[in-house]
Structure formats: C-alpha cells, structure tokens
Amino acid sequence: MNLGAPEIILILVALVLLFGAKKLPDLARGVGRSLRIFKAETSKMNDDDDDKPTVVQAQPEAQQQPATPQQLQAAASAPEPSPEEQARRLEEQAAKLRASAQADKRP
C-alpha cells in the first residue's frame, strides 16, 4: 500500500481534528514508547529461545572397578576406529540428542 502526499496530508488533518493540535505530540510520544517496548519484548523472546540451555540428563553408571592389566592390554591393542566410523558414531549421537531435545520441547 503506497501512501502519497495527499493521503498523508488528509490523515494528518483528520488527526488534528480528532485529537487537537496540543495532544498530537503526546500521542506520538506514546506510540513511540509502545513501539520501543514491543520491539524490546519481541527481541527478548527471540534471545530467550536462542539462549535456552539444553539439559542433557546423564545416565546412571554402574560403579566402575579398576581395570585389570588384561583389560588395559586389550583396550590398547584394539584397533582405532576409522574416521568414517567415528563420523557415523558422532552422527548417531547427534541424532539422539536432537530427538531428546525435540521431545523436551513438546508439552
């Protein structure tokens, strides 16, 4: 919707007739304050959504016993997973975290 000069002048004349010339500055200040408050509140809502920390619940672990020398040797001799395998595991973990985050957001 494009407002030209004649339309803007007509709107201003109507405002002056409705509210009087003395009340127009107060009305403009009130509208400006309202817009500032509205913008501040909407930006706070957006920031709250972005800054909301994700809570990850830790799984209870069984008491860990000291590793035996055989377990340490087996772990040391186990081949290190390939980068592709590491990436696949990380993607699985990320998918699980996304799923749990989405489940937390649902009411």
PDB file of N, CA and C in Angstrom:
ATOM      1  N   MET A   1       0.850  -1.174   0.000  1.00  0.00           N
ATOM      2  CA  MET A   1       0.000   0.000   0.000  1.00  0.00           C
ATOM      3  C   MET A   1       0.895   1.236   0.000  1.00  0.00           C
ATOM      4  N   ASN A   2       0.806   1.998  -1.033  1.00  0.00           N
ATOM      5  CA  ASN A   2       1.604   3.219  -1.163  1.00  0.00           C
ATOM      6  C   ASN A   2       0.754   4.424  -0.794  1.00  0.00           C
ATOM      7  N   LEU A   3       1.264   5.195   0.143  1.00  0.00           N
ATOM      8  CA  LEU A   3       0.575   6.430   0.522  1.00  0.00           C
ATOM      9  C   LEU A   3       1.308   7.603  -0.100  1.00  0.00           C
ATOM     10  N   GLY A   4       0.588   8.386  -0.849  1.00  0.00           N
ATOM     11  CA  GLY A   4       1.177   9.575  -1.451  1.00  0.00           C
ATOM     12  C   GLY A   4       1.028  10.765  -0.527  1.00  0.00           C
ATOM     13  N   ALA A   5       1.497  11.902  -0.991  1.00  0.00           N
ATOM     14  CA  ALA A   5       1.437  13.130  -0.200  1.00  0.00           C
ATOM     15  C   ALA A   5       0.003  13.535   0.133  1.00  0.00           C
ATOM     16  N   PRO A   6      -0.934  13.473  -0.822  1.00  0.00           N
ATOM     17  CA  PRO A   6      -2.311  13.884  -0.489  1.00  0.00           C
ATOM     18  C   PRO A   6      -2.940  13.008   0.608  1.00  0.00           C
ATOM     19  N   GLU A   7      -2.666  11.693   0.567  1.00  0.00           N
ATOM     20  CA  GLU A   7      -3.238  10.800   1.577  1.00  0.00           C
ATOM     21  C   GLU A   7      -2.657  11.089   2.958  1.00  0.00           C
ATOM     22  N   ILE A   8      -1.353  11.334   3.022  1.00  0.00           N
ATOM     23  CA  ILE A   8      -0.701  11.623   4.303  1.00  0.00           C
ATOM     24  C   ILE A   8      -1.227  12.931   4.880  1.00  0.00           C
ATOM     25  N   ILE A   9      -1.400  13.939   4.040  1.00  0.00           N
ATOM     26  CA  ILE A   9      -1.929  15.232   4.496  1.00  0.00           C
ATOM     27  C   ILE A   9      -3.360  15.057   5.014  1.00  0.00           C
ATOM     28  N   LEU A  10      -4.153  14.275   4.327  1.00  0.00           N
ATOM     29  CA  LEU A  10      -5.531  14.036   4.754  1.00  0.00           C
ATOM     30  C   LEU A  10      -5.569  13.320   6.106  1.00  0.00           C
ATOM     31  N   ILE A  11      -4.683  12.362   6.315  1.00  0.00           N
ATOM     32  CA  ILE A  11      -4.611  11.655   7.594  1.00  0.00           C
ATOM     33  C   ILE A  11      -4.198  12.604   8.712  1.00  0.00           C
ATOM     34  N   LEU A  12      -3.200  13.454   8.449  1.00  0.00           N
ATOM     35  CA  LEU A  12      -2.761  14.424   9.454  1.00  0.00           C
ATOM     36  C   LEU A  12      -3.869  15.416   9.816  1.00  0.00           C
ATOM     37  N   VAL A  13      -4.614  15.875   8.824  1.00  0.00           N
ATOM     38  CA  VAL A  13      -5.718  16.797   9.086  1.00  0.00           C
ATOM     39  C   VAL A  13      -6.782  16.103   9.937  1.00  0.00           C
ATOM     40  N   ALA A  14      -7.078  14.854   9.647  1.00  0.00           N
ATOM     41  CA  ALA A  14      -8.066  14.110  10.431  1.00  0.00           C
ATOM     42  C   ALA A  14      -7.593  13.935  11.869  1.00  0.00           C
ATOM     43  N   LEU A  15      -6.301  13.657  12.058  1.00  0.00           N
ATOM     44  CA  LEU A  15      -5.764  13.518  13.411  1.00  0.00           C
ATOM     45  C   LEU A  15      -5.846  14.819  14.186  1.00  0.00           C
ATOM     46  N   VAL A  16      -5.537  15.922  13.529  1.00  0.00           N
ATOM     47  CA  VAL A  16      -5.611  17.227  14.192  1.00  0.00           C
ATOM     48  C   VAL A  16      -7.059  17.521  14.585  1.00  0.00           C
ATOM     49  N   LEU A  17      -8.003  17.210  13.718  1.00  0.00           N
ATOM     50  CA  LEU A  17      -9.412  17.457  14.035  1.00  0.00           C
ATOM     51  C   LEU A  17      -9.896  16.560  15.175  1.00  0.00           C
ATOM     52  N   LEU A  18      -9.436  15.301  15.202  1.00  0.00           N
ATOM     53  CA  LEU A  18      -9.889  14.376  16.236  1.00  0.00           C
ATOM     54  C   LEU A  18      -9.274  14.665  17.601  1.00  0.00           C
ATOM     55  N   PHE A  19      -7.975  14.886  17.645  1.00  0.00           N
ATOM     56  CA  PHE A  19      -7.279  14.993  18.925  1.00  0.00           C
ATOM     57  C   PHE A  19      -6.889  16.416  19.306  1.00  0.00           C
ATOM     58  N   GLY A  20      -6.872  17.301  18.391  1.00  0.00           N
ATOM     59  CA  GLY A  20      -6.439  18.665  18.678  1.00  0.00           C
ATOM     60  C   GLY A  20      -4.936  18.767  18.542  1.00  0.00           C
ATOM     61  N   ALA A  21      -4.457  19.934  18.234  1.00  0.00           N
ATOM     62  CA  ALA A  21      -3.034  20.154  17.972  1.00  0.00           C
ATOM     63  C   ALA A  21      -2.192  19.986  19.223  1.00  0.00           C
ATOM     64  N   LYS A  22      -2.756  20.255  20.394  1.00  0.00           N
ATOM     65  CA  LYS A  22      -1.985  20.157  21.625  1.00  0.00           C
ATOM     66  C   LYS A  22      -1.725  18.718  22.050  1.00  0.00           C
ATOM     67  N   LYS A  23      -2.608  17.812  21.704  1.00  0.00           N
ATOM     68  CA  LYS A  23      -2.459  16.421  22.158  1.00  0.00           C
ATOM     69  C   LYS A  23      -1.664  15.547  21.182  1.00  0.00           C
ATOM     70  N   LEU A  24      -1.426  16.011  19.981  1.00  0.00           N
ATOM     71  CA  LEU A  24      -0.704  15.198  18.989  1.00  0.00           C
ATOM     72  C   LEU A  24       0.724  14.848  19.425  1.00  0.00           C
ATOM     73  N   PRO A  25       1.522  15.760  19.991  1.00  0.00           N
ATOM     74  CA  PRO A  25       2.864  15.375  20.427  1.00  0.00           C
ATOM     75  C   PRO A  25       2.836  14.291  21.515  1.00  0.00           C
ATOM     76  N   ASP A  26       1.882  14.406  22.449  1.00  0.00           N
ATOM     77  CA  ASP A  26       1.758  13.380  23.490  1.00  0.00           C
ATOM     78  C   ASP A  26       1.367  12.030  22.876  1.00  0.00           C
ATOM     79  N   LEU A  27       0.470  12.066  21.914  1.00  0.00           N
ATOM     80  CA  LEU A  27       0.048  10.839  21.231  1.00  0.00           C
ATOM     81  C   LEU A  27       1.224  10.200  20.499  1.00  0.00           C
ATOM     82  N   ALA A  28       2.024  11.006  19.813  1.00  0.00           N
ATOM     83  CA  ALA A  28       3.187  10.481  19.094  1.00  0.00           C
ATOM     84  C   ALA A  28       4.207   9.888  20.059  1.00  0.00           C
ATOM     85  N   ARG A  29       4.436  10.553  21.201  1.00  0.00           N
ATOM     86  CA  ARG A  29       5.352  10.001  22.213  1.00  0.00           C
ATOM     87  C   ARG A  29       4.858   8.657  22.731  1.00  0.00           C
ATOM     88  N   GLY A  30       3.576   8.569  23.000  1.00  0.00           N
ATOM     89  CA  GLY A  30       3.005   7.320  23.499  1.00  0.00           C
ATOM     90  C   GLY A  30       3.140   6.185  22.497  1.00  0.00           C
ATOM     91  N   VAL A  31       2.904   6.493  21.235  1.00  0.00           N
ATOM     92  CA  VAL A  31       3.057   5.471  20.190  1.00  0.00           C
ATOM     93  C   VAL A  31       4.518   5.048  20.077  1.00  0.00           C
ATOM     94  N   GLY A  32       5.435   5.994  20.156  1.00  0.00           N
ATOM     95  CA  GLY A  32       6.868   5.676  20.090  1.00  0.00           C
ATOM     96  C   GLY A  32       7.304   4.794  21.247  1.00  0.00           C
ATOM     97  N   ARG A  33       6.844   5.120  22.449  1.00  0.00           N
ATOM     98  CA  ARG A  33       7.185   4.288  23.619  1.00  0.00           C
ATOM     99  C   ARG A  33       6.630   2.882  23.465  1.00  0.00           C
ATOM    100  N   SER A  34       5.407   2.801  23.015  1.00  0.00           N
ATOM    101  CA  SER A  34       4.782   1.484  22.828  1.00  0.00           C
ATOM    102  C   SER A  34       5.556   0.640  21.824  1.00  0.00           C
ATOM    103  N   LEU A  35       5.976   1.253  20.725  1.00  0.00           N
ATOM    104  CA  LEU A  35       6.738   0.519  19.713  1.00  0.00           C
ATOM    105  C   LEU A  35       8.087   0.059  20.271  1.00  0.00           C
ATOM    106  N   ARG A  36       8.762   0.924  21.053  1.00  0.00           N
ATOM    107  CA  ARG A  36      10.045   0.529  21.654  1.00  0.00           C
ATOM    108  C   ARG A  36       9.876  -0.639  22.609  1.00  0.00           C
ATOM    109  N   ILE A  37       8.843  -0.587  23.438  1.00  0.00           N
ATOM    110  CA  ILE A  37       8.588  -1.680  24.386  1.00  0.00           C
ATOM    111  C   ILE A  37       8.278  -2.958  23.629  1.00  0.00           C
ATOM    112  N   PHE A  38       7.456  -2.855  22.587  1.00  0.00           N
ATOM    113  CA  PHE A  38       7.100  -4.034  21.802  1.00  0.00           C
ATOM    114  C   PHE A  38       8.337  -4.656  21.160  1.00  0.00           C
ATOM    115  N   LYS A  39       9.204  -3.837  20.571  1.00  0.00           N
ATOM    116  CA  LYS A  39      10.427  -4.349  19.943  1.00  0.00           C
ATOM    117  C   LYS A  39      11.347  -5.000  20.969  1.00  0.00           C
ATOM    118  N   ALA A  40      11.472  -4.374  22.140  1.00  0.00           N
ATOM    119  CA  ALA A  40      12.336  -4.935  23.182  1.00  0.00           C
ATOM    120  C   ALA A  40      11.812  -6.287  23.652  1.00  0.00           C
ATOM    121  N   GLU A  41      10.506  -6.399  23.827  1.00  0.00           N
ATOM    122  CA  GLU A  41       9.933  -7.663  24.294  1.00  0.00           C
ATOM    123  C   GLU A  41      10.073  -8.767  23.240  1.00  0.00           C
ATOM    124  N   THR A  42       9.859  -8.438  21.982  1.00  0.00           N
ATOM    125  CA  THR A  42       9.993  -9.463  20.946  1.00  0.00           C
ATOM    126  C   THR A  42      11.448  -9.900  20.797  1.00  0.00           C
ATOM    127  N   SER A  43      12.389  -8.966  20.947  1.00  0.00           N
ATOM    128  CA  SER A  43      13.796  -9.369  20.848  1.00  0.00           C
ATOM    129  C   SER A  43      14.196 -10.218  22.050  1.00  0.00           C
ATOM    130  N   LYS A  44      13.639  -9.925  23.236  1.00  0.00           N
ATOM    131  CA  LYS A  44      13.904 -10.754  24.405  1.00  0.00           C
ATOM    132  C   LYS A  44      13.377 -12.165  24.203  1.00  0.00           C
ATOM    133  N   MET A  45      12.196 -12.278  23.599  1.00  0.00           N
ATOM    134  CA  MET A  45      11.624 -13.603  23.354  1.00  0.00           C
ATOM    135  C   MET A  45      12.516 -14.389  22.404  1.00  0.00           C
ATOM    136  N   ASN A  46      13.008 -13.743  21.365  1.00  0.00           N
ATOM    137  CA  ASN A  46      13.894 -14.413  20.412  1.00  0.00           C
ATOM    138  C   ASN A  46      15.203 -14.811  21.073  1.00  0.00           C
ATOM    139  N   ASP A  47      15.761 -13.927  21.903  1.00  0.00           N
ATOM    140  CA  ASP A  47      17.017 -14.226  22.592  1.00  0.00           C
ATOM    141  C   ASP A  47      16.827 -15.361  23.588  1.00  0.00           C
ATOM    142  N   ASP A  48      15.684 -15.396  24.280  1.00  0.00           N
ATOM    143  CA  ASP A  48      15.422 -16.468  25.236  1.00  0.00           C
ATOM    144  C   ASP A  48      15.373 -17.811  24.534  1.00  0.00           C
ATOM    145  N   ASP A  49      14.789 -17.858  23.335  1.00  0.00           N
ATOM    146  CA  ASP A  49      14.731 -19.119  22.598  1.00  0.00           C
ATOM    147  C   ASP A  49      16.119 -19.573  22.175  1.00  0.00           C
ATOM    148  N   ASP A  50      16.963 -18.626  21.770  1.00  0.00           N
ATOM    149  CA  ASP A  50      18.310 -18.969  21.306  1.00  0.00           C
ATOM    150  C   ASP A  50      19.230 -19.343  22.455  1.00  0.00           C
ATOM    151  N   ASP A  51      19.089 -18.673  23.601  1.00  0.00           N
ATOM    152  CA  ASP A  51      20.000 -18.872  24.720  1.00  0.00           C
ATOM    153  C   ASP A  51      19.557 -19.974  25.662  1.00  0.00           C
ATOM    154  N   LYS A  52      18.412 -20.566  25.414  1.00  0.00           N
ATOM    155  CA  LYS A  52      17.900 -21.580  26.324  1.00  0.00           C
ATOM    156  C   LYS A  52      18.852 -22.770  26.329  1.00  0.00           C
ATOM    157  N   PRO A  53      19.438 -23.083  27.493  1.00  0.00           N
ATOM    158  CA  PRO A  53      20.395 -24.185  27.528  1.00  0.00           C
ATOM    159  C   PRO A  53      19.693 -25.528  27.370  1.00  0.00           C
ATOM    160  N   THR A  54      20.358 -26.415  26.692  1.00  0.00           N
ATOM    161  CA  THR A  54      19.836 -27.750  26.517  1.00  0.00           C
ATOM    162  C   THR A  54      20.274 -28.593  27.699  1.00  0.00           C
ATOM    163  N   VAL A  55      19.314 -29.201  28.362  1.00  0.00           N
ATOM    164  CA  VAL A  55      19.615 -30.020  29.526  1.00  0.00           C
ATOM    165  C   VAL A  55      19.757 -31.457  29.063  1.00  0.00           C
ATOM    166  N   VAL A  56      20.906 -32.010  29.342  1.00  0.00           N
ATOM    167  CA  VAL A  56      21.159 -33.401  28.991  1.00  0.00           C
ATOM    168  C   VAL A  56      21.249 -34.175  30.294  1.00  0.00           C
ATOM    169  N   GLN A  57      20.386 -35.179  30.407  1.00  0.00           N
ATOM    170  CA  GLN A  57      20.393 -35.977  31.624  1.00  0.00           C
ATOM    171  C   GLN A  57      21.406 -37.100  31.464  1.00  0.00           C
ATOM    172  N   ALA A  58      22.257 -37.208  32.453  1.00  0.00           N
ATOM    173  CA  ALA A  58      23.282 -38.249  32.421  1.00  0.00           C
ATOM    174  C   ALA A  58      22.663 -39.578  32.831  1.00  0.00           C
ATOM    175  N   GLN A  59      23.086 -40.614  32.173  1.00  0.00           N
ATOM    176  CA  GLN A  59      22.643 -41.953  32.531  1.00  0.00           C
ATOM    177  C   GLN A  59      23.423 -42.410  33.748  1.00  0.00           C
ATOM    178  N   PRO A  60      22.743 -43.023  34.717  1.00  0.00           N
ATOM    179  CA  PRO A  60      23.492 -43.516  35.872  1.00  0.00           C
ATOM    180  C   PRO A  60      24.437 -44.629  35.441  1.00  0.00           C
ATOM    181  N   GLU A  61      25.650 -44.510  35.899  1.00  0.00           N
ATOM    182  CA  GLU A  61      26.652 -45.507  35.538  1.00  0.00           C
ATOM    183  C   GLU A  61      26.859 -46.460  36.699  1.00  0.00           C
ATOM    184  N   ALA A  62      27.153 -47.680  36.355  1.00  0.00           N
ATOM    185  CA  ALA A  62      27.469 -48.659  37.390  1.00  0.00           C
ATOM    186  C   ALA A  62      28.820 -48.284  37.979  1.00  0.00           C
ATOM    187  N   GLN A  63      29.041 -48.713  39.195  1.00  0.00           N
ATOM    188  CA  GLN A  63      30.326 -48.412  39.807  1.00  0.00           C
ATOM    189  C   GLN A  63      31.427 -49.024  38.966  1.00  0.00           C
ATOM    190  N   GLN A  64      32.398 -48.198  38.699  1.00  0.00           N
ATOM    191  CA  GLN A  64      33.491 -48.675  37.875  1.00  0.00           C
ATOM    192  C   GLN A  64      34.547 -49.309  38.763  1.00  0.00           C
ATOM    193  N   GLN A  65      34.979 -50.456  38.339  1.00  0.00           N
ATOM    194  CA  GLN A  65      36.031 -51.155  39.058  1.00  0.00           C
ATOM    195  C   GLN A  65      37.340 -50.873  38.331  1.00  0.00           C
ATOM    196  N   PRO A  66      38.425 -50.889  39.052  1.00  0.00           N
ATOM    197  CA  PRO A  66      39.706 -50.660  38.383  1.00  0.00           C
ATOM    198  C   PRO A  66      39.930 -51.711  37.290  1.00  0.00           C
ATOM    199  N   ALA A  67      40.474 -51.251  36.194  1.00  0.00           N
ATOM    200  CA  ALA A  67      40.712 -52.152  35.071  1.00  0.00           C
ATOM    201  C   ALA A  67      41.869 -53.095  35.396  1.00  0.00           C
ATOM    202  N   THR A  68      41.695 -54.312  34.947  1.00  0.00           N
ATOM    203  CA  THR A  68      42.762 -55.300  35.137  1.00  0.00           C
ATOM    204  C   THR A  68      43.803 -55.103  34.061  1.00  0.00           C
ATOM    205  N   PRO A  69      44.995 -55.596  34.256  1.00  0.00           N
ATOM    206  CA  PRO A  69      46.027 -55.452  33.217  1.00  0.00           C
ATOM    207  C   PRO A  69      45.598 -56.067  31.885  1.00  0.00           C
ATOM    208  N   GLN A  70      44.827 -57.155  31.924  1.00  0.00           N
ATOM    209  CA  GLN A  70      44.374 -57.780  30.669  1.00  0.00           C
ATOM    210  C   GLN A  70      43.405 -56.843  29.924  1.00  0.00           C
ATOM    211  N   GLN A  71      42.526 -56.168  30.683  1.00  0.00           N
ATOM    212  CA  GLN A  71      41.585 -55.240  30.048  1.00  0.00           C
ATOM    213  C   GLN A  71      42.325 -54.045  29.449  1.00  0.00           C
ATOM    214  N   LEU A  72      43.321 -53.556  30.159  1.00  0.00           N
ATOM    215  CA  LEU A  72      44.111 -52.438  29.639  1.00  0.00           C
ATOM    216  C   LEU A  72      44.861 -52.829  28.377  1.00  0.00           C
ATOM    217  N   GLN A  73      45.417 -54.041  28.375  1.00  0.00           N
ATOM    218  CA  GLN A  73      46.164 -54.502  27.209  1.00  0.00           C
ATOM    219  C   GLN A  73      45.220 -54.695  26.028  1.00  0.00           C
ATOM    220  N   ALA A  74      44.009 -55.231  26.275  1.00  0.00           N
ATOM    221  CA  ALA A  74      43.045 -55.440  25.199  1.00  0.00           C
ATOM    222  C   ALA A  74      42.599 -54.095  24.620  1.00  0.00           C
ATOM    223  N   ALA A  75      42.404 -53.114  25.493  1.00  0.00           N
ATOM    224  CA  ALA A  75      41.992 -51.793  25.018  1.00  0.00           C
ATOM    225  C   ALA A  75      43.101 -51.134  24.201  1.00  0.00           C
ATOM    226  N   ALA A  76      44.339 -51.306  24.627  1.00  0.00           N
ATOM    227  CA  ALA A  76      45.460 -50.709  23.917  1.00  0.00           C
ATOM    228  C   ALA A  76      45.674 -51.374  22.562  1.00  0.00           C
ATOM    229  N   SER A  77      45.417 -52.694  22.492  1.00  0.00           N
ATOM    230  CA  SER A  77      45.660 -53.404  21.240  1.00  0.00           C
ATOM    231  C   SER A  77      44.465 -53.330  20.297  1.00  0.00           C
ATOM    232  N   ALA A  78      43.316 -52.832  20.764  1.00  0.00           N
ATOM    233  CA  ALA A  78      42.138 -52.728  19.901  1.00  0.00           C
ATOM    234  C   ALA A  78      42.414 -51.687  18.814  1.00  0.00           C
ATOM    235  N   PRO A  79      42.026 -51.996  17.587  1.00  0.00           N
ATOM    236  CA  PRO A  79      42.277 -51.040  16.506  1.00  0.00           C
ATOM    237  C   PRO A  79      41.417 -49.786  16.681  1.00  0.00           C
ATOM    238  N   GLU A  80      42.012 -48.657  16.366  1.00  0.00           N
ATOM    239  CA  GLU A  80      41.289 -47.393  16.463  1.00  0.00           C
ATOM    240  C   GLU A  80      40.290 -47.330  15.315  1.00  0.00           C
ATOM    241  N   PRO A  81      39.045 -46.875  15.601  1.00  0.00           N
ATOM    242  CA  PRO A  81      38.056 -46.830  14.519  1.00  0.00           C
ATOM    243  C   PRO A  81      38.472 -45.838  13.434  1.00  0.00           C
ATOM    244  N   SER A  82      38.055 -46.142  12.237  1.00  0.00           N
ATOM    245  CA  SER A  82      38.377 -45.271  11.107  1.00  0.00           C
ATOM    246  C   SER A  82      37.630 -43.949  11.247  1.00  0.00           C
ATOM    247  N   PRO A  83      38.092 -42.936  10.534  1.00  0.00           N
ATOM    248  CA  PRO A  83      37.384 -41.650  10.586  1.00  0.00           C
ATOM    249  C   PRO A  83      35.915 -41.777  10.170  1.00  0.00           C
ATOM    250  N   GLU A  84      35.640 -42.657   9.214  1.00  0.00           N
ATOM    251  CA  GLU A  84      34.255 -42.853   8.785  1.00  0.00           C
ATOM    252  C   GLU A  84      33.419 -43.432   9.919  1.00  0.00           C
ATOM    253  N   GLU A  85      33.991 -44.388  10.638  1.00  0.00           N
ATOM    254  CA  GLU A  85      33.290 -44.998  11.767  1.00  0.00           C
ATOM    255  C   GLU A  85      33.080 -43.967  12.878  1.00  0.00           C
ATOM    256  N   GLN A  86      34.077 -43.148  13.146  1.00  0.00           N
ATOM    257  CA  GLN A  86      33.942 -42.100  14.157  1.00  0.00           C
ATOM    258  C   GLN A  86      32.850 -41.110  13.752  1.00  0.00           C
ATOM    259  N   ALA A  87      32.808 -40.740  12.466  1.00  0.00           N
ATOM    260  CA  ALA A  87      31.795 -39.804  11.984  1.00  0.00           C
ATOM    261  C   ALA A  87      30.404 -40.417  12.112  1.00  0.00           C
ATOM    262  N   ARG A  88      30.270 -41.702  11.795  1.00  0.00           N
ATOM    263  CA  ARG A  88      28.976 -42.371  11.902  1.00  0.00           C
ATOM    264  C   ARG A  88      28.488 -42.378  13.345  1.00  0.00           C
ATOM    265  N   ARG A  89      29.411 -42.676  14.279  1.00  0.00           N
ATOM    266  CA  ARG A  89      29.036 -42.692  15.699  1.00  0.00           C
ATOM    267  C   ARG A  89      28.624 -41.305  16.175  1.00  0.00           C
ATOM    268  N   LEU A  90      29.358 -40.280  15.743  1.00  0.00           N
ATOM    269  CA  LEU A  90      29.015 -38.918  16.123  1.00  0.00           C
ATOM    270  C   LEU A  90      27.654 -38.511  15.558  1.00  0.00           C
ATOM    271  N   GLU A  91      27.361 -38.909  14.323  1.00  0.00           N
ATOM    272  CA  GLU A  91      26.065 -38.595  13.733  1.00  0.00           C
ATOM    273  C   GLU A  91      24.937 -39.272  14.495  1.00  0.00           C
ATOM    274  N   GLU A  92      25.157 -40.518  14.933  1.00  0.00           N
ATOM    275  CA  GLU A  92      24.146 -41.220  15.722  1.00  0.00           C
ATOM    276  C   GLU A  92      23.901 -40.503  17.049  1.00  0.00           C
ATOM    277  N   GLN A  93      24.984 -40.075  17.697  1.00  0.00           N
ATOM    278  CA  GLN A  93      24.840 -39.356  18.960  1.00  0.00           C
ATOM    279  C   GLN A  93      24.102 -38.037  18.755  1.00  0.00           C
ATOM    280  N   ALA A  94      24.417 -37.335  17.677  1.00  0.00           N
ATOM    281  CA  ALA A  94      23.752 -36.067  17.388  1.00  0.00           C
ATOM    282  C   ALA A  94      22.265 -36.285  17.133  1.00  0.00           C
ATOM    283  N   ALA A  95      21.923 -37.341  16.414  1.00  0.00           N
ATOM    284  CA  ALA A  95      20.520 -37.637  16.141  1.00  0.00           C
ATOM    285  C   ALA A  95      19.777 -37.940  17.442  1.00  0.00           C
ATOM    286  N   LYS A  96      20.408 -38.682  18.337  1.00  0.00           N
ATOM    287  CA  LYS A  96      19.773 -38.986  19.625  1.00  0.00           C
ATOM    288  C   LYS A  96      19.562 -37.710  20.432  1.00  0.00           C
ATOM    289  N   LEU A  97      20.562 -36.810  20.431  1.00  0.00           N
ATOM    290  CA  LEU A  97      20.432 -35.560  21.163  1.00  0.00           C
ATOM    291  C   LEU A  97      19.328 -34.683  20.584  1.00  0.00           C
ATOM    292  N   ARG A  98      19.234 -34.630  19.244  1.00  0.00           N
ATOM    293  CA  ARG A  98      18.170 -33.850  18.613  1.00  0.00           C
ATOM    294  C   ARG A  98      16.797 -34.401  18.980  1.00  0.00           C
ATOM    295  N   ALA A  99      16.681 -35.723  18.953  1.00  0.00           N
ATOM    296  CA  ALA A  99      15.401 -36.355  19.285  1.00  0.00           C
ATOM    297  C   ALA A  99      15.012 -36.070  20.724  1.00  0.00           C
ATOM    298  N   SER A 100      15.965 -36.134  21.633  1.00  0.00           N
ATOM    299  CA  SER A 100      15.640 -35.868  23.039  1.00  0.00           C
ATOM    300  C   SER A 100      15.315 -34.396  23.250  1.00  0.00           C
ATOM    301  N   ALA A 101      15.980 -33.497  22.524  1.00  0.00           N
ATOM    302  CA  ALA A 101      15.687 -32.067  22.642  1.00  0.00           C
ATOM    303  C   ALA A 101      14.288 -31.760  22.124  1.00  0.00           C
ATOM    304  N   GLN A 102      13.889 -32.387  21.025  1.00  0.00           N
ATOM    305  CA  GLN A 102      12.566 -32.169  20.486  1.00  0.00           C
ATOM    306  C   GLN A 102      11.507 -32.744  21.421  1.00  0.00           C
ATOM    307  N   ALA A 103      11.808 -33.878  22.052  1.00  0.00           N
ATOM    308  CA  ALA A 103      10.861 -34.468  22.999  1.00  0.00           C
ATOM    309  C   ALA A 103      10.695 -33.564  24.213  1.00  0.00           C
ATOM    310  N   ASP A 104      11.754 -32.878  24.629  1.00  0.00           N
ATOM    311  CA  ASP A 104      11.666 -31.966  25.773  1.00  0.00           C
ATOM    312  C   ASP A 104      10.835 -30.729  25.439  1.00  0.00           C
ATOM    313  N   LYS A 105      10.855 -30.287  24.184  1.00  0.00           N
ATOM    314  CA  LYS A 105      10.116 -29.090  23.796  1.00  0.00           C
ATOM    315  C   LYS A 105       8.621 -29.342  23.715  1.00  0.00           C
ATOM    316  N   ARG A 106       8.224 -30.578  23.465  1.00  0.00           N
ATOM    317  CA  ARG A 106       6.800 -30.882  23.352  1.00  0.00           C
ATOM    318  C   ARG A 106       6.141 -30.796  24.725  1.00  0.00           C
ATOM    319  N   PRO A 107       4.898 -30.238  24.748  1.00  0.00           N
ATOM    320  CA  PRO A 107       4.210 -30.120  26.054  1.00  0.00           C
ATOM    321  C   PRO A 107       3.753 -31.453  26.588  1.00  0.00           C
TER     322      PRO A 107
END
